[in-house]
Structures are given as structure tokens and as C-alpha cells.
C-alpha atoms as a PDB file:
ATOM      1  CA  MET A   1       0.124  -0.116  -0.080  1.00  0.00           C
ATOM      2  CA  ALA A   2       1.394   3.442  -1.035  1.00  0.00           C
ATOM      3  CA  THR A   3       2.420   5.816   1.656  1.00  0.00           C
ATOM      4  CA  ARG A   4      -0.145   8.784   2.125  1.00  0.00           C
ATOM      5  CA  LEU A   5       1.607  11.934   1.146  1.00  0.00           C
ATOM      6  CA  ASP A   6       0.329  15.601   0.603  1.00  0.00           C
ATOM      7  CA  PRO A   7      -0.332  16.530  -3.234  1.00  0.00           C
ATOM      8  CA  ALA A   8       2.976  18.438  -3.565  1.00  0.00           C
ATOM      9  CA  GLU A   9       5.120  15.652  -2.147  1.00  0.00           C
ATOM     10  CA  ARG A  10       3.023  13.089  -4.267  1.00  0.00           C
ATOM     11  CA  ARG A  11       3.608  15.335  -7.475  1.00  0.00           C
ATOM     12  CA  GLU A  12       7.334  15.423  -6.765  1.00  0.00           C
ATOM     13  CA  GLN A  13       7.514  11.705  -6.340  1.00  0.00           C
ATOM     14  CA  ILE A  14       5.810  11.056  -9.579  1.00  0.00           C
ATOM     15  CA  ILE A  15       8.142  13.307 -11.270  1.00  0.00           C
ATOM     16  CA  ALA A  16      11.051  11.998  -9.798  1.00  0.00           C
ATOM     17  CA  ALA A  17       9.907   8.504 -10.787  1.00  0.00           C
ATOM     18  CA  THR A  18       9.392   9.685 -14.277  1.00  0.00           C
ATOM     19  CA  LEU A  19      12.957  11.425 -14.517  1.00  0.00           C
ATOM     20  CA  ARG A  20      14.419   7.683 -13.468  1.00  0.00           C
ATOM     21  CA  LEU A  21      12.400   6.053 -16.249  1.00  0.00           C
ATOM     22  CA  VAL A  22      13.223   8.762 -18.898  1.00  0.00           C
ATOM     23  CA  ALA A  23      17.054   8.428 -17.883  1.00  0.00           C
ATOM     24  CA  ARG A  24      16.821   4.607 -18.254  1.00  0.00           C
ATOM     25  CA  ASP A  25      14.363   4.106 -21.217  1.00  0.00           C
ATOM     26  CA  GLY A  26      14.038   7.314 -23.066  1.00  0.00           C
ATOM     27  CA  PHE A  27      10.968   9.742 -23.221  1.00  0.00           C
ATOM     28  CA  ALA A  28       8.993   7.551 -26.115  1.00  0.00           C
ATOM     29  CA  ARG A  29       9.010   4.370 -23.868  1.00  0.00           C
ATOM     30  CA  VAL A  30       7.455   6.030 -20.483  1.00  0.00           C
ATOM     31  CA  THR A  31       3.900   5.249 -19.927  1.00  0.00           C
ATOM     32  CA  LEU A  32       1.629   6.270 -17.009  1.00  0.00           C
ATOM     33  CA  ARG A  33       1.461   2.598 -15.934  1.00  0.00           C
ATOM     34  CA  ASP A  34       5.205   2.505 -15.865  1.00  0.00           C
ATOM     35  CA  VAL A  35       5.347   5.477 -13.639  1.00  0.00           C
ATOM     36  CA  ALA A  36       2.680   4.044 -11.321  1.00  0.00           C
ATOM     37  CA  ALA A  37       4.581   0.705 -10.988  1.00  0.00           C
ATOM     38  CA  GLU A  38       7.711   2.675 -10.216  1.00  0.00           C
ATOM     39  CA  VAL A  39       5.897   4.776  -7.624  1.00  0.00           C
ATOM     40  CA  GLY A  40       3.863   1.975  -6.210  1.00  0.00           C
ATOM     41  CA  VAL A  41       0.469   3.370  -6.811  1.00  0.00           C
ATOM     42  CA  VAL A  42      -2.549   2.471  -8.990  1.00  0.00           C
ATOM     43  CA  HIS A  43      -2.589   3.909 -12.448  1.00  0.00           C
ATOM     44  CA  GLY A  44      -5.303   6.175 -11.695  1.00  0.00           C
ATOM     45  CA  LEU A  45      -3.599   8.195  -9.214  1.00  0.00           C
ATOM     46  CA  ILE A  46      -1.119   9.178 -11.790  1.00  0.00           C
ATOM     47  CA  ARG A  47      -3.965  10.512 -13.934  1.00  0.00           C
ATOM     48  CA  HIS A  48      -5.202  12.600 -10.988  1.00  0.00           C
ATOM     49  CA  TYR A  49      -2.117  14.522 -11.319  1.00  0.00           C
ATOM     50  CA  PHE A  50      -1.301  14.271 -15.019  1.00  0.00           C
ATOM     51  CA  ALA A  51      -3.972  13.647 -17.502  1.00  0.00           C
ATOM     52  CA  THR A  52      -1.692  12.322 -20.271  1.00  0.00           C
ATOM     53  CA  ARG A  53       1.895  10.964 -20.510  1.00  0.00           C
ATOM     54  CA  GLU A  54       2.625  13.965 -22.801  1.00  0.00           C
ATOM     55  CA  GLN A  55       1.868  16.304 -19.809  1.00  0.00           C
ATOM     56  CA  LEU A  56       3.773  14.189 -17.368  1.00  0.00           C
ATOM     57  CA  VAL A  57       7.063  13.882 -19.343  1.00  0.00           C
ATOM     58  CA  ALA A  58       7.022  17.524 -20.092  1.00  0.00           C
ATOM     59  CA  ALA A  59       6.603  18.415 -16.382  1.00  0.00           C
ATOM     60  CA  ALA A  60       9.586  15.938 -15.641  1.00  0.00           C
ATOM     61  CA  PHE A  61      11.476  17.668 -18.264  1.00  0.00           C
ATOM     62  CA  ASP A  62      10.615  21.107 -16.759  1.00  0.00           C
ATOM     63  CA  ALA A  63      11.440  19.987 -13.187  1.00  0.00           C
ATOM     64  CA  ALA A  64      14.993  18.672 -14.444  1.00  0.00           C
ATOM     65  CA  VAL A  65      15.881  21.649 -16.684  1.00  0.00           C
ATOM     66  CA  LEU A  66      14.806  24.085 -14.041  1.00  0.00           C
ATOM     67  CA  ALA A  67      16.939  22.533 -11.324  1.00  0.00           C
ATOM     68  CA  GLU A  68      20.093  22.539 -13.833  1.00  0.00           C
ATOM     69  CA  ALA A  69      19.331  26.135 -14.802  1.00  0.00           C
ATOM     70  CA  ALA A  70      19.405  27.292 -11.197  1.00  0.00           C
ATOM     71  CA  GLU A  71      22.697  25.517 -10.607  1.00  0.00           C
ATOM     72  CA  ASP A  72      24.162  26.895 -13.918  1.00  0.00           C
ATOM     73  CA  GLU A  73      23.098  30.376 -13.035  1.00  0.00           C
ATOM     74  CA  GLU A  74      24.613  30.194  -9.486  1.00  0.00           C
ATOM     75  CA  LEU A  75      27.843  28.944 -10.958  1.00  0.00           C
ATOM     76  CA  ALA A  76      27.884  31.655 -13.722  1.00  0.00           C
ATOM     77  CA  THR A  77      27.429  34.273 -11.195  1.00  0.00           C
ATOM     78  CA  ARG A  78      29.952  33.018  -8.889  1.00  0.00           C
ATOM     79  CA  LEU A  79      32.799  32.698 -11.526  1.00  0.00           C
ATOM     80  CA  GLU A  80      34.610  35.523 -13.434  1.00  0.00           C
ATOM     81  CA  PRO A  81      33.055  36.130 -16.841  1.00  0.00           C
ATOM     82  CA  ILE A  82      35.836  34.355 -18.903  1.00  0.00           C
ATOM     83  CA  PRO A  83      35.897  31.136 -16.770  1.00  0.00           C
ATOM     84  CA  ALA A  84      32.024  31.403 -16.745  1.00  0.00           C
ATOM     85  CA  LEU A  85      31.951  31.245 -20.524  1.00  0.00           C
ATOM     86  CA  ALA A  86      34.499  28.426 -20.629  1.00  0.00           C
ATOM     87  CA  ASP A  87      32.603  26.383 -18.049  1.00  0.00           C
ATOM     88  CA  TRP A  88      29.225  27.089 -20.195  1.00  0.00           C
ATOM     89  CA  LEU A  89      30.868  25.920 -23.522  1.00  0.00           C
ATOM     90  CA  SER A  90      32.710  22.899 -22.044  1.00  0.00           C
ATOM     91  CA  THR A  91      31.244  19.427 -22.930  1.00  0.00           C
ATOM     92  CA  THR A  92      28.711  18.219 -20.409  1.00  0.00           C
ATOM     93  CA  PRO A  93      28.239  14.711 -19.288  1.00  0.00           C
ATOM     94  CA  ARG A  94      27.025  11.995 -21.563  1.00  0.00           C
ATOM     95  CA  ASP A  95      24.012  11.089 -19.806  1.00  0.00           C
ATOM     96  CA  HIS A  96      22.861  14.678 -19.756  1.00  0.00           C
ATOM     97  CA  TYR A  97      23.189  15.369 -23.130  1.00  0.00           C
ATOM     98  CA  PHE A  98      21.433  12.026 -24.181  1.00  0.00           C
ATOM     99  CA  VAL A  99      18.352  13.272 -22.364  1.00  0.00           C
ATOM    100  CA  TRP A 100      18.512  16.463 -24.377  1.00  0.00           C
ATOM    101  CA  ILE A 101      19.075  14.615 -27.673  1.00  0.00           C
ATOM    102  CA  ASP A 102      16.120  12.281 -26.770  1.00  0.00           C
ATOM    103  CA  ALA A 103      14.063  15.314 -25.915  1.00  0.00           C
ATOM    104  CA  TRP A 104      14.706  16.889 -29.332  1.00  0.00           C
ATOM    105  CA  SER A 105      13.650  13.505 -30.973  1.00  0.00           C
ATOM    106  CA  GLU A 106      10.444  13.197 -29.091  1.00  0.00           C
ATOM    107  CA  ALA A 107       9.435  17.099 -29.243  1.00  0.00           C
ATOM    108  CA  PRO A 108       7.728  16.738 -32.675  1.00  0.00           C
ATOM    109  CA  ARG A 109       5.257  14.260 -31.314  1.00  0.00           C
ATOM    110  CA  ASN A 110       4.780  15.794 -28.016  1.00  0.00           C
ATOM    111  CA  PRO A 111       3.507  19.580 -28.194  1.00  0.00           C
ATOM    112  CA  GLU A 112       3.755  19.931 -24.457  1.00  0.00           C
ATOM    113  CA  LEU A 113       7.521  18.816 -24.476  1.00  0.00           C
ATOM    114  CA  HIS A 114       8.194  20.758 -27.634  1.00  0.00           C
ATOM    115  CA  ALA A 115       6.827  23.965 -25.935  1.00  0.00           C
ATOM    116  CA  SER A 116       8.979  23.133 -22.821  1.00  0.00           C
ATOM    117  CA  LEU A 117      12.119  22.377 -24.767  1.00  0.00           C
ATOM    118  CA  THR A 118      11.573  25.742 -26.987  1.00  0.00           C
ATOM    119  CA  ARG A 119      11.272  27.822 -23.807  1.00  0.00           C
ATOM    120  CA  HIS A 120      14.242  26.314 -21.997  1.00  0.00           C
ATOM    121  CA  HIS A 121      16.350  26.866 -25.203  1.00  0.00           C
ATOM    122  CA  ARG A 122      15.400  30.512 -25.277  1.00  0.00           C
ATOM    123  CA  GLU A 123      15.958  31.085 -21.398  1.00  0.00           C
ATOM    124  CA  SER A 124      19.445  29.413 -21.747  1.00  0.00           C
ATOM    125  CA  ASP A 125      20.448  31.852 -24.624  1.00  0.00           C
ATOM    126  CA  VAL A 126      19.401  34.620 -22.474  1.00  0.00           C
ATOM    127  CA  ARG A 127      21.821  33.452 -19.642  1.00  0.00           C
ATOM    128  CA  LEU A 128      24.483  32.905 -22.194  1.00  0.00           C
ATOM    129  CA  ALA A 129      23.961  36.383 -23.573  1.00  0.00           C
ATOM    130  CA  GLY A 130      24.312  37.554 -19.928  1.00  0.00           C
ATOM    131  CA  ILE A 131      27.905  36.075 -19.690  1.00  0.00           C
ATOM    132  CA  ILE A 132      28.942  37.486 -22.922  1.00  0.00           C
ATOM    133  CA  ARG A 133      27.635  41.123 -22.003  1.00  0.00           C
ATOM    134  CA  ARG A 134      29.887  40.696 -18.698  1.00  0.00           C
ATOM    135  CA  ILE A 135      32.860  39.962 -20.885  1.00  0.00           C
ATOM    136  CA  VAL A 136      32.158  42.684 -23.014  1.00  0.00           C
ATOM    137  CA  ASP A 137      31.474  45.226 -20.269  1.00  0.00           C
ATOM    138  CA  ALA A 138      34.918  44.186 -18.826  1.00  0.00           C
ATOM    139  CA  GLY A 139      36.671  45.233 -22.047  1.00  0.00           C
ATOM    140  CA  ASP A 140      38.020  41.777 -22.946  1.00  0.00           C
ATOM    141  CA  ALA A 141      35.616  41.035 -25.806  1.00  0.00           C
ATOM    142  CA  SER A 142      33.344  42.630 -28.382  1.00  0.00           C
ATOM    143  CA  SER A 143      29.694  41.733 -29.390  1.00  0.00           C
ATOM    144  CA  ALA A 144      27.449  43.916 -31.420  1.00  0.00           C
ATOM    145  CA  ASP A 145      24.530  41.464 -30.624  1.00  0.00           C
ATOM    146  CA  PRO A 146      25.050  39.407 -27.615  1.00  0.00           C
ATOM    147  CA  GLU A 147      21.689  37.441 -28.113  1.00  0.00           C
ATOM    148  CA  ALA A 148      22.905  36.490 -31.879  1.00  0.00           C
ATOM    149  CA  ASP A 149      26.115  35.241 -30.508  1.00  0.00           C
ATOM    150  CA  ALA A 150      24.522  33.291 -27.722  1.00  0.00           C
ATOM    151  CA  ARG A 151      22.248  31.535 -30.299  1.00  0.00           C
ATOM    152  CA  THR A 152      25.148  30.859 -32.646  1.00  0.00           C
ATOM    153  CA  LEU A 153      27.373  29.469 -29.821  1.00  0.00           C
ATOM    154  CA  THR A 154      24.577  27.387 -28.457  1.00  0.00           C
ATOM    155  CA  ALA A 155      23.790  25.804 -31.810  1.00  0.00           C
ATOM    156  CA  LEU A 156      27.504  25.227 -32.170  1.00  0.00           C
ATOM    157  CA  ILE A 157      27.946  23.248 -28.880  1.00  0.00           C
ATOM    158  CA  ASP A 158      24.627  21.329 -29.385  1.00  0.00           C
ATOM    159  CA  GLY A 159      25.902  20.126 -32.717  1.00  0.00           C
ATOM    160  CA  LEU A 160      29.414  19.245 -31.207  1.00  0.00           C
ATOM    161  CA  ALA A 161      27.545  17.190 -28.377  1.00  0.00           C
ATOM    162  CA  VAL A 162      25.759  15.108 -31.022  1.00  0.00           C
ATOM    163  CA  GLN A 163      29.180  14.515 -32.860  1.00  0.00           C
ATOM    164  CA  HIS A 164      30.812  13.547 -29.380  1.00  0.00           C
ATOM    165  CA  HIS A 165      28.204  11.864 -27.450  1.00  0.00           C
ATOM    166  CA  ALA A 166      25.990  10.315 -30.087  1.00  0.00           C
ATOM    167  CA  LEU A 167      28.127   9.462 -33.082  1.00  0.00           C
ATOM    168  CA  GLY A 168      31.590   9.572 -31.417  1.00  0.00           C
ATOM    169  CA  LEU A 169      33.239  11.447 -34.427  1.00  0.00           C
ATOM    170  CA  ILE A 170      35.056  13.646 -32.071  1.00  0.00           C
ATOM    171  CA  ASP A 171      36.369  13.295 -28.462  1.00  0.00           C
ATOM    172  CA  GLU A 172      35.696  15.592 -25.380  1.00  0.00           C
ATOM    173  CA  ASP A 173      39.022  17.593 -25.909  1.00  0.00           C
ATOM    174  CA  GLU A 174      38.307  18.207 -29.715  1.00  0.00           C
ATOM    175  CA  ALA A 175      34.821  19.406 -28.828  1.00  0.00           C
ATOM    176  CA  ASP A 176      36.090  21.794 -26.172  1.00  0.00           C
ATOM    177  CA  ARG A 177      38.804  22.985 -28.548  1.00  0.00           C
ATOM    178  CA  ILE A 178      36.463  23.659 -31.320  1.00  0.00           C
ATOM    179  CA  ALA A 179      33.939  25.558 -29.110  1.00  0.00           C
ATOM    180  CA  PHE A 180      36.659  27.829 -27.428  1.00  0.00           C
ATOM    181  CA  ARG A 181      38.397  28.702 -30.596  1.00  0.00           C
ATOM    182  CA  THR A 182      35.020  29.623 -32.374  1.00  0.00           C
ATOM    183  CA  ALA A 183      33.978  31.656 -29.526  1.00  0.00           C
ATOM    184  CA  GLU A 184      37.210  33.409 -29.161  1.00  0.00           C
ATOM    185  CA  ALA A 185      37.154  34.425 -32.864  1.00  0.00           C
ATOM    186  CA  ARG A 186      33.624  35.360 -32.870  1.00  0.00           C
ATOM    187  CA  LEU A 187      33.887  37.602 -29.555  1.00  0.00           C
ATOM    188  CA  GLY A 188      37.220  38.901 -30.479  1.00  0.00           C
ATOM    189  CA  LEU A 189      38.893  37.343 -27.198  1.00  0.00           C
ATOM    190  CA  GLU A 190      42.451  36.792 -26.979  1.00  0.00           C
ATOM    191  CA  PRO A 191      43.323  33.396 -28.498  1.00  0.00           C
ATOM    192  CA  GLY A 192      43.665  30.771 -25.748  1.00  0.00           C
ATOM    193  CA  ALA A 193      41.667  32.840 -23.231  1.00  0.00           C
ATOM    194  CA  LEU A 194      39.040  30.263 -22.792  1.00  0.00           C
ATOM    195  CA  VAL A 195      41.002  27.529 -21.085  1.00  0.00           C
ATOM    196  CA  ARG A 196      39.180  24.992 -18.858  1.00  0.00           C
ATOM    197  CA  THR A 197      39.779  26.233 -15.325  1.00  0.00           C
ATOM    198  CA  ARG A 198      37.860  23.557 -13.477  1.00  0.00           C
ATOM    199  CA  ALA A 199      36.117  20.320 -14.066  1.00  0.00           C
ATOM    200  CA  THR A 200      32.885  20.620 -15.936  1.00  0.00           C
ATOM    201  CA  PRO A 201      30.009  20.237 -13.146  1.00  0.00           C
ATOM    202  CA  GLU A 202      27.498  17.396 -13.280  1.00  0.00           C
ATOM    203  CA  ARG A 203      24.627  19.551 -14.339  1.00  0.00           C
ATOM    204  CA  SER A 204      22.038  16.672 -15.120  1.00  0.00           C
ATOM    205  CA  ARG A 205      19.185  16.288 -12.726  1.00  0.00           C
ATOM    206  CA  TRP A 206      18.226  12.916 -14.422  1.00  0.00           C
ATOM    207  CA  ALA A 207      19.640  10.498 -11.941  1.00  0.00           C
ATOM    208  CA  VAL A 208      16.901  11.294  -9.209  1.00  0.00           C
ATOM    209  CA  THR A 209      16.739   8.842  -6.628  1.00  0.00           C
ATOM    210  CA  HIS A 210      14.113   9.937  -4.047  1.00  0.00           C
END
């Protein structure tokens, strides 16, 4: 028999269970019945919180990305601008990007996930543009349009992640080297300014255990 929880705790438990299943099986294979079995409740209880699996996986993706974004924002604020940009452009863990790649694949068939993914990409670009502005304000780079530069660099690191993690065409060092050199050239940074100053943090929130 499932432990009685208040609605907020139960919703969090359901989302955590969904994240575990997504990390293991991918978005497309997760069903409401699978989540119910993972939580240890009847199928109908899941529908009380989420009417469809599309709503549920989108909510789970939201929860994971919002937690990740809060960590990224805290880190970017704490670091000096150039190390913050280097950290942002560095290759993130394999499991982390596999979830994003899977989300990109599933989004055309899931309007809720598509909306969530689009919103988070735009918010991520805003945060990256903020880092670029800090570097420009410090006099270390130039940018006529930080938002456009942010979109370009995001597209670059996403493409590099596919080549590195999904296809194995390049290794982590080459991915970082391409990202750093491209950013330096685009922003007028001194060559070699974007060196890795610390280990890339574990940004993924998909290995939720509670």
C-alpha cells in the first residue's frame, strides 16, 4: 500500500519516478502505467495529477531543466566572466546530453514537450548572452549582438554534443577546442583565453533517486 503523501509531495514523487524512467528508457517508452509501478500506486492516481503521458514527461523535463538552470546560474554568477563562458561551452556529461538529444527527437510528437524544450532553449540563450555582456563590459571582448552570439554558440555546442556523445566522431578535448576557438574568434577574445579552469560540473538532474 502506498504511503499517504500531501499533493505536493506526491507530485514530486511522480516526477522523480518519471525522471528515473526517462533516464533509463527514453521519453518515448515511458507510460503512465510504468510510472505508477515505479511509484507503487494505482494507475488512476497518476492521472489525477497528469491527464496524459505527454503532460507528465513535459513536467518532468521542466523540473529537471529548472533545477539544472538554477545550478548553472549560480555557477555563472560566482565565476569571473571568462571562466564562466569557458565552463558554459565545455562538454557536459554524456547522460545529460543523451536526455536532451532524446527530448529533441520526441518533441515533434509531443506538443507539451516541444513547448517546454523551446522555452528552455530561449532562456538558456538569455543566460549565455548575459555572460557575454559581462565579458564585453569588462573590456575583454566585443559583441554587437550578444543574443545572436549566444544563439550561434548554443547551436555550435549542441552540434558538437551530437558529434561527440551520439556519434563518437570527435572526443571531448576536440569538442572543447572547437567551441573555445570559435567563441574566441567570434567575440574577439585573446586566443587561448577560454581555457578549462575547473572540471565541468555534473549539471544533469536525471539521476533522481528519491
